[in-house]
PDB file of N, CA and C in Angstrom:
ATOM      1  N   MET A   1       0.841  -1.167   0.000  1.00  0.00           N
ATOM      2  CA  MET A   1       0.000   0.000   0.000  1.00  0.00           C
ATOM      3  C   MET A   1       0.895   1.242   0.000  1.00  0.00           C
ATOM      4  N   SER A   2       0.681   2.127  -0.939  1.00  0.00           N
ATOM      5  CA  SER A   2       1.519   3.325  -1.029  1.00  0.00           C
ATOM      6  C   SER A   2       0.905   4.463  -0.212  1.00  0.00           C
ATOM      7  N   ARG A   3       1.798   5.216   0.371  1.00  0.00           N
ATOM      8  CA  ARG A   3       1.363   6.374   1.146  1.00  0.00           C
ATOM      9  C   ARG A   3       1.229   7.583   0.217  1.00  0.00           C
ATOM     10  N   PRO A   4       0.266   8.449   0.502  1.00  0.00           N
ATOM     11  CA  PRO A   4       0.154   9.663  -0.315  1.00  0.00           C
ATOM     12  C   PRO A   4       1.373  10.551  -0.094  1.00  0.00           C
ATOM     13  N   ARG A   5       1.796  11.168  -1.165  1.00  0.00           N
ATOM     14  CA  ARG A   5       2.948  12.058  -1.084  1.00  0.00           C
ATOM     15  C   ARG A   5       2.555  13.344  -0.380  1.00  0.00           C
ATOM     16  N   PRO A   6       3.435  13.857   0.463  1.00  0.00           N
ATOM     17  CA  PRO A   6       3.118  15.141   1.108  1.00  0.00           C
ATOM     18  C   PRO A   6       3.119  16.260   0.071  1.00  0.00           C
ATOM     19  N   GLU A   7       2.331  17.269   0.353  1.00  0.00           N
ATOM     20  CA  GLU A   7       2.257  18.420  -0.550  1.00  0.00           C
ATOM     21  C   GLU A   7       3.600  19.139  -0.561  1.00  0.00           C
ATOM     22  N   VAL A   8       4.044  19.504  -1.748  1.00  0.00           N
ATOM     23  CA  VAL A   8       5.317  20.199  -1.896  1.00  0.00           C
ATOM     24  C   VAL A   8       5.123  21.664  -1.500  1.00  0.00           C
ATOM     25  N   PRO A   9       5.932  22.165  -0.559  1.00  0.00           N
ATOM     26  CA  PRO A   9       5.791  23.571  -0.171  1.00  0.00           C
ATOM     27  C   PRO A   9       6.098  24.499  -1.342  1.00  0.00           C
ATOM     28  N   GLN A  10       5.355  25.597  -1.424  1.00  0.00           N
ATOM     29  CA  GLN A  10       5.540  26.556  -2.502  1.00  0.00           C
ATOM     30  C   GLN A  10       6.002  27.888  -1.920  1.00  0.00           C
ATOM     31  N   ALA A  11       7.002  28.466  -2.531  1.00  0.00           N
ATOM     32  CA  ALA A  11       7.477  29.787  -2.123  1.00  0.00           C
ATOM     33  C   ALA A  11       6.538  30.851  -2.680  1.00  0.00           C
ATOM     34  N   LEU A  12       6.454  31.958  -1.993  1.00  0.00           N
ATOM     35  CA  LEU A  12       5.632  33.077  -2.427  1.00  0.00           C
ATOM     36  C   LEU A  12       6.554  34.139  -3.012  1.00  0.00           C
ATOM     37  N   HIS A  13       6.348  34.482  -4.267  1.00  0.00           N
ATOM     38  CA  HIS A  13       7.175  35.488  -4.942  1.00  0.00           C
ATOM     39  C   HIS A  13       6.602  36.860  -4.616  1.00  0.00           C
ATOM     40  N   LEU A  14       7.245  37.578  -3.694  1.00  0.00           N
ATOM     41  CA  LEU A  14       6.711  38.831  -3.183  1.00  0.00           C
ATOM     42  C   LEU A  14       6.602  39.917  -4.253  1.00  0.00           C
ATOM     43  N   ALA A  15       7.605  40.036  -5.095  1.00  0.00           N
ATOM     44  CA  ALA A  15       7.567  41.070  -6.137  1.00  0.00           C
ATOM     45  C   ALA A  15       6.415  40.808  -7.103  1.00  0.00           C
ATOM     46  N   ARG A  16       6.224  39.584  -7.494  1.00  0.00           N
ATOM     47  CA  ARG A  16       5.134  39.243  -8.417  1.00  0.00           C
ATOM     48  C   ARG A  16       3.772  39.492  -7.772  1.00  0.00           C
ATOM     49  N   LEU A  17       3.667  39.185  -6.490  1.00  0.00           N
ATOM     50  CA  LEU A  17       2.419  39.427  -5.765  1.00  0.00           C
ATOM     51  C   LEU A  17       2.094  40.919  -5.752  1.00  0.00           C
ATOM     52  N   ALA A  18       3.076  41.748  -5.464  1.00  0.00           N
ATOM     53  CA  ALA A  18       2.874  43.196  -5.410  1.00  0.00           C
ATOM     54  C   ALA A  18       2.533  43.759  -6.781  1.00  0.00           C
ATOM     55  N   GLN A  19       3.117  43.216  -7.829  1.00  0.00           N
ATOM     56  CA  GLN A  19       2.899  43.741  -9.174  1.00  0.00           C
ATOM     57  C   GLN A  19       1.472  43.525  -9.659  1.00  0.00           C
ATOM     58  N   GLY A  20       0.716  42.670  -8.974  1.00  0.00           N
ATOM     59  CA  GLY A  20      -0.678  42.433  -9.345  1.00  0.00           C
ATOM     60  C   GLY A  20      -1.582  43.623  -9.068  1.00  0.00           C
ATOM     61  N   THR A  21      -1.204  44.472  -8.110  1.00  0.00           N
ATOM     62  CA  THR A  21      -2.003  45.649  -7.773  1.00  0.00           C
ATOM     63  C   THR A  21      -1.078  46.852  -7.551  1.00  0.00           C
ATOM     64  N   PRO A  22      -0.535  47.423  -8.629  1.00  0.00           N
ATOM     65  CA  PRO A  22       0.387  48.559  -8.497  1.00  0.00           C
ATOM     66  C   PRO A  22      -0.217  49.715  -7.707  1.00  0.00           C
ATOM     67  N   GLY A  23       0.605  50.303  -6.842  1.00  0.00           N
ATOM     68  CA  GLY A  23       0.167  51.462  -6.078  1.00  0.00           C
ATOM     69  C   GLY A  23      -0.638  51.153  -4.834  1.00  0.00           C
ATOM     70  N   GLU A  24      -0.874  49.875  -4.547  1.00  0.00           N
ATOM     71  CA  GLU A  24      -1.661  49.487  -3.368  1.00  0.00           C
ATOM     72  C   GLU A  24      -0.850  48.547  -2.491  1.00  0.00           C
ATOM     73  N   TRP A  25      -0.901  48.797  -1.182  1.00  0.00           N
ATOM     74  CA  TRP A  25      -0.228  47.902  -0.238  1.00  0.00           C
ATOM     75  C   TRP A  25      -0.957  46.563  -0.214  1.00  0.00           C
ATOM     76  N   VAL A  26      -0.216  45.476  -0.318  1.00  0.00           N
ATOM     77  CA  VAL A  26      -0.774  44.130  -0.243  1.00  0.00           C
ATOM     78  C   VAL A  26      -0.288  43.516   1.059  1.00  0.00           C
ATOM     79  N   ARG A  27      -1.208  43.202   1.942  1.00  0.00           N
ATOM     80  CA  ARG A  27      -0.856  42.614   3.236  1.00  0.00           C
ATOM     81  C   ARG A  27      -0.909  41.103   3.127  1.00  0.00           C
ATOM     82  N   LEU A  28       0.179  40.461   3.537  1.00  0.00           N
ATOM     83  CA  LEU A  28       0.228  39.018   3.494  1.00  0.00           C
ATOM     84  C   LEU A  28      -0.489  38.446   4.705  1.00  0.00           C
ATOM     85  N   PRO A  29      -1.286  37.409   4.507  1.00  0.00           N
ATOM     86  CA  PRO A  29      -2.019  36.822   5.628  1.00  0.00           C
ATOM     87  C   PRO A  29      -1.077  36.129   6.609  1.00  0.00           C
ATOM     88  N   GLY A  30      -1.447  36.192   7.880  1.00  0.00           N
ATOM     89  CA  GLY A  30      -0.709  35.462   8.901  1.00  0.00           C
ATOM     90  C   GLY A  30       0.557  36.133   9.381  1.00  0.00           C
ATOM     91  N   GLY A  31       0.763  37.387   9.039  1.00  0.00           N
ATOM     92  CA  GLY A  31       1.982  38.056   9.474  1.00  0.00           C
ATOM     93  C   GLY A  31       1.874  39.557   9.366  1.00  0.00           C
ATOM     94  N   ASP A  32       2.943  40.210   9.725  1.00  0.00           N
ATOM     95  CA  ASP A  32       2.992  41.665   9.686  1.00  0.00           C
ATOM     96  C   ASP A  32       3.900  42.121   8.554  1.00  0.00           C
ATOM     97  N   LEU A  33       3.553  41.708   7.351  1.00  0.00           N
ATOM     98  CA  LEU A  33       4.357  41.984   6.176  1.00  0.00           C
ATOM     99  C   LEU A  33       3.454  42.509   5.068  1.00  0.00           C
ATOM    100  N   ARG A  34       3.913  43.574   4.409  1.00  0.00           N
ATOM    101  CA  ARG A  34       3.176  44.159   3.282  1.00  0.00           C
ATOM    102  C   ARG A  34       4.144  44.388   2.139  1.00  0.00           C
ATOM    103  N   VAL A  35       3.659  44.304   0.922  1.00  0.00           N
ATOM    104  CA  VAL A  35       4.473  44.581  -0.255  1.00  0.00           C
ATOM    105  C   VAL A  35       3.743  45.609  -1.115  1.00  0.00           C
ATOM    106  N   LEU A  36       4.530  46.361  -1.889  1.00  0.00           N
ATOM    107  CA  LEU A  36       3.958  47.423  -2.711  1.00  0.00           C
ATOM    108  C   LEU A  36       4.770  47.568  -3.987  1.00  0.00           C
ATOM    109  N   HIS A  37       4.086  47.499  -5.130  1.00  0.00           N
ATOM    110  CA  HIS A  37       4.707  47.820  -6.412  1.00  0.00           C
ATOM    111  C   HIS A  37       4.496  49.306  -6.626  1.00  0.00           C
ATOM    112  N   LEU A  38       5.579  50.055  -6.540  1.00  0.00           N
ATOM    113  CA  LEU A  38       5.480  51.505  -6.670  1.00  0.00           C
ATOM    114  C   LEU A  38       5.230  51.903  -8.117  1.00  0.00           C
ATOM    115  N   SER A  39       4.276  52.776  -8.279  1.00  0.00           N
ATOM    116  CA  SER A  39       3.962  53.340  -9.581  1.00  0.00           C
ATOM    117  C   SER A  39       3.676  54.819  -9.332  1.00  0.00           C
ATOM    118  N   GLY A  40       4.734  55.615  -9.240  1.00  0.00           N
ATOM    119  CA  GLY A  40       4.597  57.000  -8.813  1.00  0.00           C
ATOM    120  C   GLY A  40       4.603  57.057  -7.298  1.00  0.00           C
ATOM    121  N   LYS A  41       3.954  58.070  -6.737  1.00  0.00           N
ATOM    122  CA  LYS A  41       3.888  58.208  -5.282  1.00  0.00           C
ATOM    123  C   LYS A  41       2.835  57.260  -4.731  1.00  0.00           C
ATOM    124  N   ALA A  42       3.089  56.775  -3.514  1.00  0.00           N
ATOM    125  CA  ALA A  42       2.155  55.851  -2.878  1.00  0.00           C
ATOM    126  C   ALA A  42       1.774  56.388  -1.505  1.00  0.00           C
ATOM    127  N   PRO A  43       0.645  55.937  -0.982  1.00  0.00           N
ATOM    128  CA  PRO A  43       0.234  56.401   0.340  1.00  0.00           C
ATOM    129  C   PRO A  43       1.116  55.816   1.436  1.00  0.00           C
ATOM    130  N   GLN A  44       1.274  56.587   2.506  1.00  0.00           N
ATOM    131  CA  GLN A  44       1.969  56.086   3.691  1.00  0.00           C
ATOM    132  C   GLN A  44       1.142  54.932   4.244  1.00  0.00           C
ATOM    133  N   ALA A  45       1.788  53.903   4.758  1.00  0.00           N
ATOM    134  CA  ALA A  45       1.084  52.711   5.221  1.00  0.00           C
ATOM    135  C   ALA A  45       0.394  52.901   6.563  1.00  0.00           C
ATOM    136  N   GLY A  46       0.764  53.916   7.338  1.00  0.00           N
ATOM    137  CA  GLY A  46       0.105  54.167   8.613  1.00  0.00           C
ATOM    138  C   GLY A  46       0.543  53.240   9.731  1.00  0.00           C
ATOM    139  N   VAL A  47       1.757  52.712   9.642  1.00  0.00           N
ATOM    140  CA  VAL A  47       2.286  51.811  10.666  1.00  0.00           C
ATOM    141  C   VAL A  47       3.777  52.073  10.855  1.00  0.00           C
ATOM    142  N   ASP A  48       4.311  51.612  11.985  1.00  0.00           N
ATOM    143  CA  ASP A  48       5.749  51.641  12.219  1.00  0.00           C
ATOM    144  C   ASP A  48       6.374  50.376  11.660  1.00  0.00           C
ATOM    145  N   GLY A  49       7.596  50.472  11.142  1.00  0.00           N
ATOM    146  CA  GLY A  49       8.280  49.282  10.666  1.00  0.00           C
ATOM    147  C   GLY A  49       9.487  49.600   9.803  1.00  0.00           C
ATOM    148  N   TRP A  50       9.974  48.585   9.121  1.00  0.00           N
ATOM    149  CA  TRP A  50      11.119  48.709   8.211  1.00  0.00           C
ATOM    150  C   TRP A  50      10.631  48.615   6.782  1.00  0.00           C
ATOM    151  N   LEU A  51      10.994  49.614   5.976  1.00  0.00           N
ATOM    152  CA  LEU A  51      10.696  49.610   4.549  1.00  0.00           C
ATOM    153  C   LEU A  51      11.952  49.124   3.830  1.00  0.00           C
ATOM    154  N   VAL A  52      11.825  48.048   3.074  1.00  0.00           N
ATOM    155  CA  VAL A  52      12.962  47.415   2.406  1.00  0.00           C
ATOM    156  C   VAL A  52      12.699  47.372   0.905  1.00  0.00           C
ATOM    157  N   CYS A  53      13.677  47.773   0.123  1.00  0.00           N
ATOM    158  CA  CYS A  53      13.564  47.723  -1.340  1.00  0.00           C
ATOM    159  C   CYS A  53      13.893  46.308  -1.809  1.00  0.00           C
ATOM    160  N   LEU A  54      12.977  45.704  -2.555  1.00  0.00           N
ATOM    161  CA  LEU A  54      13.205  44.367  -3.113  1.00  0.00           C
ATOM    162  C   LEU A  54      13.751  44.427  -4.529  1.00  0.00           C
ATOM    163  N   SER A  55      13.265  45.408  -5.304  1.00  0.00           N
ATOM    164  CA  SER A  55      13.736  45.547  -6.689  1.00  0.00           C
ATOM    165  C   SER A  55      13.582  46.992  -7.123  1.00  0.00           C
ATOM    166  N   GLY A  56      14.343  47.378  -8.145  1.00  0.00           N
ATOM    167  CA  GLY A  56      14.285  48.736  -8.649  1.00  0.00           C
ATOM    168  C   GLY A  56      15.001  49.706  -7.730  1.00  0.00           C
ATOM    169  N   GLU A  57      14.430  50.881  -7.569  1.00  0.00           N
ATOM    170  CA  GLU A  57      15.001  51.905  -6.688  1.00  0.00           C
ATOM    171  C   GLU A  57      13.871  52.795  -6.194  1.00  0.00           C
ATOM    172  N   ALA A  58      13.813  52.997  -4.886  1.00  0.00           N
ATOM    173  CA  ALA A  58      12.749  53.800  -4.284  1.00  0.00           C
ATOM    174  C   ALA A  58      13.349  54.998  -3.561  1.00  0.00           C
ATOM    175  N   VAL A  59      12.550  56.029  -3.444  1.00  0.00           N
ATOM    176  CA  VAL A  59      12.911  57.193  -2.654  1.00  0.00           C
ATOM    177  C   VAL A  59      11.811  57.382  -1.618  1.00  0.00           C
ATOM    178  N   ILE A  60      12.224  57.651  -0.379  1.00  0.00           N
ATOM    179  CA  ILE A  60      11.273  57.974   0.670  1.00  0.00           C
ATOM    180  C   ILE A  60      11.389  59.471   0.915  1.00  0.00           C
ATOM    181  N   ASP A  61      10.329  60.173   0.560  1.00  0.00           N
ATOM    182  CA  ASP A  61      10.288  61.625   0.732  1.00  0.00           C
ATOM    183  C   ASP A  61       9.930  61.909   2.186  1.00  0.00           C
ATOM    184  N   LEU A  62      10.802  62.655   2.867  1.00  0.00           N
ATOM    185  CA  LEU A  62      10.640  62.982   4.288  1.00  0.00           C
ATOM    186  C   LEU A  62      10.431  64.485   4.448  1.00  0.00           C
ATOM    187  N   PRO A  63       9.976  64.924   5.627  1.00  0.00           N
ATOM    188  CA  PRO A  63       9.793  66.366   5.860  1.00  0.00           C
ATOM    189  C   PRO A  63      11.117  67.130   5.790  1.00  0.00           C
ATOM    190  N   LEU A  64      11.021  68.428   5.693  1.00  0.00           N
ATOM    191  CA  LEU A  64      12.158  69.345   5.708  1.00  0.00           C
ATOM    192  C   LEU A  64      13.148  69.109   4.571  1.00  0.00           C
ATOM    193  N   ASN A  65      12.625  68.780   3.395  1.00  0.00           N
ATOM    194  CA  ASN A  65      13.436  68.561   2.197  1.00  0.00           C
ATOM    195  C   ASN A  65      14.458  67.439   2.347  1.00  0.00           C
ATOM    196  N   ASN A  66      14.168  66.451   3.175  1.00  0.00           N
ATOM    197  CA  ASN A  66      15.025  65.280   3.322  1.00  0.00           C
ATOM    198  C   ASN A  66      14.445  64.119   2.540  1.00  0.00           C
ATOM    199  N   PHE A  67      15.304  63.181   2.168  1.00  0.00           N
ATOM    200  CA  PHE A  67      14.843  61.969   1.501  1.00  0.00           C
ATOM    201  C   PHE A  67      15.868  60.867   1.733  1.00  0.00           C
ATOM    202  N   VAL A  68      15.417  59.636   1.534  1.00  0.00           N
ATOM    203  CA  VAL A  68      16.289  58.460   1.623  1.00  0.00           C
ATOM    204  C   VAL A  68      16.106  57.675   0.341  1.00  0.00           C
ATOM    205  N   ARG A  69      17.212  57.313  -0.302  1.00  0.00           N
ATOM    206  CA  ARG A  69      17.169  56.493  -1.517  1.00  0.00           C
ATOM    207  C   ARG A  69      17.433  55.037  -1.117  1.00  0.00           C
ATOM    208  N   LEU A  70      16.566  54.141  -1.571  1.00  0.00           N
ATOM    209  CA  LEU A  70      16.724  52.717  -1.278  1.00  0.00           C
ATOM    210  C   LEU A  70      16.972  51.931  -2.559  1.00  0.00           C
ATOM    211  N   ARG A  71      18.035  51.162  -2.554  1.00  0.00           N
ATOM    212  CA  ARG A  71      18.340  50.236  -3.646  1.00  0.00           C
ATOM    213  C   ARG A  71      18.037  48.830  -3.149  1.00  0.00           C
ATOM    214  N   PRO A  72      17.989  47.838  -4.043  1.00  0.00           N
ATOM    215  CA  PRO A  72      17.663  46.471  -3.608  1.00  0.00           C
ATOM    216  C   PRO A  72      18.529  46.017  -2.434  1.00  0.00           C
ATOM    217  N   GLY A  73      17.835  45.513  -1.413  1.00  0.00           N
ATOM    218  CA  GLY A  73      18.514  45.023  -0.222  1.00  0.00           C
ATOM    219  C   GLY A  73      18.701  46.069   0.860  1.00  0.00           C
ATOM    220  N   GLU A  74      18.349  47.333   0.572  1.00  0.00           N
ATOM    221  CA  GLU A  74      18.499  48.391   1.569  1.00  0.00           C
ATOM    222  C   GLU A  74      17.159  48.672   2.242  1.00  0.00           C
ATOM    223  N   GLY A  75      17.220  49.087   3.519  1.00  0.00           N
ATOM    224  CA  GLY A  75      16.007  49.360   4.268  1.00  0.00           C
ATOM    225  C   GLY A  75      16.114  50.637   5.067  1.00  0.00           C
ATOM    226  N   TYR A  76      14.956  51.131   5.502  1.00  0.00           N
ATOM    227  CA  TYR A  76      14.891  52.355   6.304  1.00  0.00           C
ATOM    228  C   TYR A  76      13.728  52.220   7.273  1.00  0.00           C
ATOM    229  N   ARG A  77      13.952  52.648   8.505  1.00  0.00           N
ATOM    230  CA  ARG A  77      12.931  52.583   9.554  1.00  0.00           C
ATOM    231  C   ARG A  77      11.944  53.732   9.386  1.00  0.00           C
ATOM    232  N   VAL A  78      10.651  53.412   9.271  1.00  0.00           N
ATOM    233  CA  VAL A  78       9.609  54.426   9.143  1.00  0.00           C
ATOM    234  C   VAL A  78       8.700  54.378  10.369  1.00  0.00           C
ATOM    235  N   LYS A  79       8.126  55.530  10.690  1.00  0.00           N
ATOM    236  CA  LYS A  79       7.235  55.623  11.851  1.00  0.00           C
ATOM    237  C   LYS A  79       5.941  56.313  11.449  1.00  0.00           C
ATOM    238  N   VAL A  80       4.853  55.862  12.031  1.00  0.00           N
ATOM    239  CA  VAL A  80       3.540  56.388  11.687  1.00  0.00           C
ATOM    240  C   VAL A  80       3.420  57.873  12.036  1.00  0.00           C
ATOM    241  N   GLY A  81       4.122  58.340  13.061  1.00  0.00           N
ATOM    242  CA  GLY A  81       4.039  59.734  13.477  1.00  0.00           C
ATOM    243  C   GLY A  81       4.867  60.692  12.643  1.00  0.00           C
ATOM    244  N   GLU A  82       5.643  60.181  11.716  1.00  0.00           N
ATOM    245  CA  GLU A  82       6.473  61.009  10.842  1.00  0.00           C
ATOM    246  C   GLU A  82       5.966  60.890   9.406  1.00  0.00           C
ATOM    247  N   ALA A  83       5.827  62.024   8.747  1.00  0.00           N
ATOM    248  CA  ALA A  83       5.340  62.003   7.362  1.00  0.00           C
ATOM    249  C   ALA A  83       6.405  61.399   6.450  1.00  0.00           C
ATOM    250  N   TRP A  84       5.999  60.460   5.602  1.00  0.00           N
ATOM    251  CA  TRP A  84       6.896  59.894   4.599  1.00  0.00           C
ATOM    252  C   TRP A  84       6.057  59.411   3.423  1.00  0.00           C
ATOM    253  N   VAL A  85       6.598  59.597   2.254  1.00  0.00           N
ATOM    254  CA  VAL A  85       5.906  59.187   1.025  1.00  0.00           C
ATOM    255  C   VAL A  85       6.912  58.449   0.147  1.00  0.00           C
ATOM    256  N   PRO A  86       6.647  57.180  -0.158  1.00  0.00           N
ATOM    257  CA  PRO A  86       7.555  56.463  -1.055  1.00  0.00           C
ATOM    258  C   PRO A  86       7.180  56.686  -2.518  1.00  0.00           C
ATOM    259  N   PHE A  87       8.200  56.741  -3.378  1.00  0.00           N
ATOM    260  CA  PHE A  87       7.943  56.762  -4.818  1.00  0.00           C
ATOM    261  C   PHE A  87       9.105  56.077  -5.535  1.00  0.00           C
ATOM    262  N   ASP A  88       8.835  55.661  -6.760  1.00  0.00           N
ATOM    263  CA  ASP A  88       9.832  54.918  -7.527  1.00  0.00           C
ATOM    264  C   ASP A  88      10.660  55.854  -8.394  1.00  0.00           C
ATOM    265  N   THR A  89      11.910  55.439  -8.639  1.00  0.00           N
ATOM    266  CA  THR A  89      12.756  56.146  -9.592  1.00  0.00           C
ATOM    267  C   THR A  89      13.164  55.216 -10.725  1.00  0.00           C
ATOM    268  N   ARG A  90      12.770  53.970 -10.627  1.00  0.00           N
ATOM    269  CA  ARG A  90      13.016  52.982 -11.686  1.00  0.00           C
ATOM    270  C   ARG A  90      11.778  52.122 -11.864  1.00  0.00           C
ATOM    271  N   GLU A  91      11.530  51.727 -13.085  1.00  0.00           N
ATOM    272  CA  GLU A  91      10.398  50.865 -13.384  1.00  0.00           C
ATOM    273  C   GLU A  91      10.576  49.528 -12.690  1.00  0.00           C
ATOM    274  N   GLY A  92       9.475  48.964 -12.205  1.00  0.00           N
ATOM    275  CA  GLY A  92       9.516  47.653 -11.566  1.00  0.00           C
ATOM    276  C   GLY A  92       9.966  47.689 -10.114  1.00  0.00           C
ATOM    277  N   THR A  93       9.852  48.856  -9.480  1.00  0.00           N
ATOM    278  CA  THR A  93      10.276  48.976  -8.090  1.00  0.00           C
ATOM    279  C   THR A  93       9.234  48.360  -7.152  1.00  0.00           C
ATOM    280  N   VAL A  94       9.709  47.469  -6.296  1.00  0.00           N
ATOM    281  CA  VAL A  94       8.855  46.828  -5.293  1.00  0.00           C
ATOM    282  C   VAL A  94       9.506  46.992  -3.931  1.00  0.00           C
ATOM    283  N   VAL A  95       8.715  47.426  -2.952  1.00  0.00           N
ATOM    284  CA  VAL A  95       9.193  47.561  -1.583  1.00  0.00           C
ATOM    285  C   VAL A  95       8.384  46.635  -0.679  1.00  0.00           C
ATOM    286  N   MET A  96       9.020  46.264   0.425  1.00  0.00           N
ATOM    287  CA  MET A  96       8.388  45.418   1.432  1.00  0.00           C
ATOM    288  C   MET A  96       8.401  46.187   2.744  1.00  0.00           C
ATOM    289  N   LEU A  97       7.311  46.150   3.473  1.00  0.00           N
ATOM    290  CA  LEU A  97       7.214  46.787   4.770  1.00  0.00           C
ATOM    291  C   LEU A  97       6.999  45.717   5.823  1.00  0.00           C
ATOM    292  N   VAL A  98       7.959  45.594   6.722  1.00  0.00           N
ATOM    293  CA  VAL A  98       7.850  44.659   7.838  1.00  0.00           C
ATOM    294  C   VAL A  98       7.425  45.501   9.032  1.00  0.00           C
ATOM    295  N   THR A  99       6.161  45.357   9.427  1.00  0.00           N
ATOM    296  CA  THR A  99       5.621  46.209  10.477  1.00  0.00           C
ATOM    297  C   THR A  99       5.978  45.665  11.857  1.00  0.00           C
ATOM    298  N   ASP A 100       5.818  46.534  12.841  1.00  0.00           N
ATOM    299  CA  ASP A 100       6.136  46.150  14.212  1.00  0.00           C
ATOM    300  C   ASP A 100       5.071  45.247  14.821  1.00  0.00           C
ATOM    301  N   GLY A 101       3.978  45.044  14.129  1.00  0.00           N
ATOM    302  CA  GLY A 101       2.933  44.146  14.623  1.00  0.00           C
ATOM    303  C   GLY A 101       1.921  44.876  15.478  1.00  0.00           C
ATOM    304  N   GLY A 102       1.049  44.059  16.001  1.00  0.00           N
ATOM    305  CA  GLY A 102       0.054  44.637  16.901  1.00  0.00           C
ATOM    306  C   GLY A 102      -1.189  44.860  16.236  1.00  0.00           C
TER     307      GLY A 102
END
């Protein structure tokens, strides 16, 4: 008698998931993780956490004429009480936001 094979685990391609709804934060179920395919300026997520660039190049526009440029693999800590607006400088830019939870 043969045993049924276990289901093969599947990886989730975050950039592809985000590209399905450009300009909108996509929250992954079961965790405090969001992804966003930037297409121009995007809304602030309204949470504290780390914004990480997965692909392309993003700029985080901050108050007082400050900004942070993020390249793939780079991250920046964002806070809900501070104004910040992400936007893309390269086509295909995807960012991931790992929130503090709660």
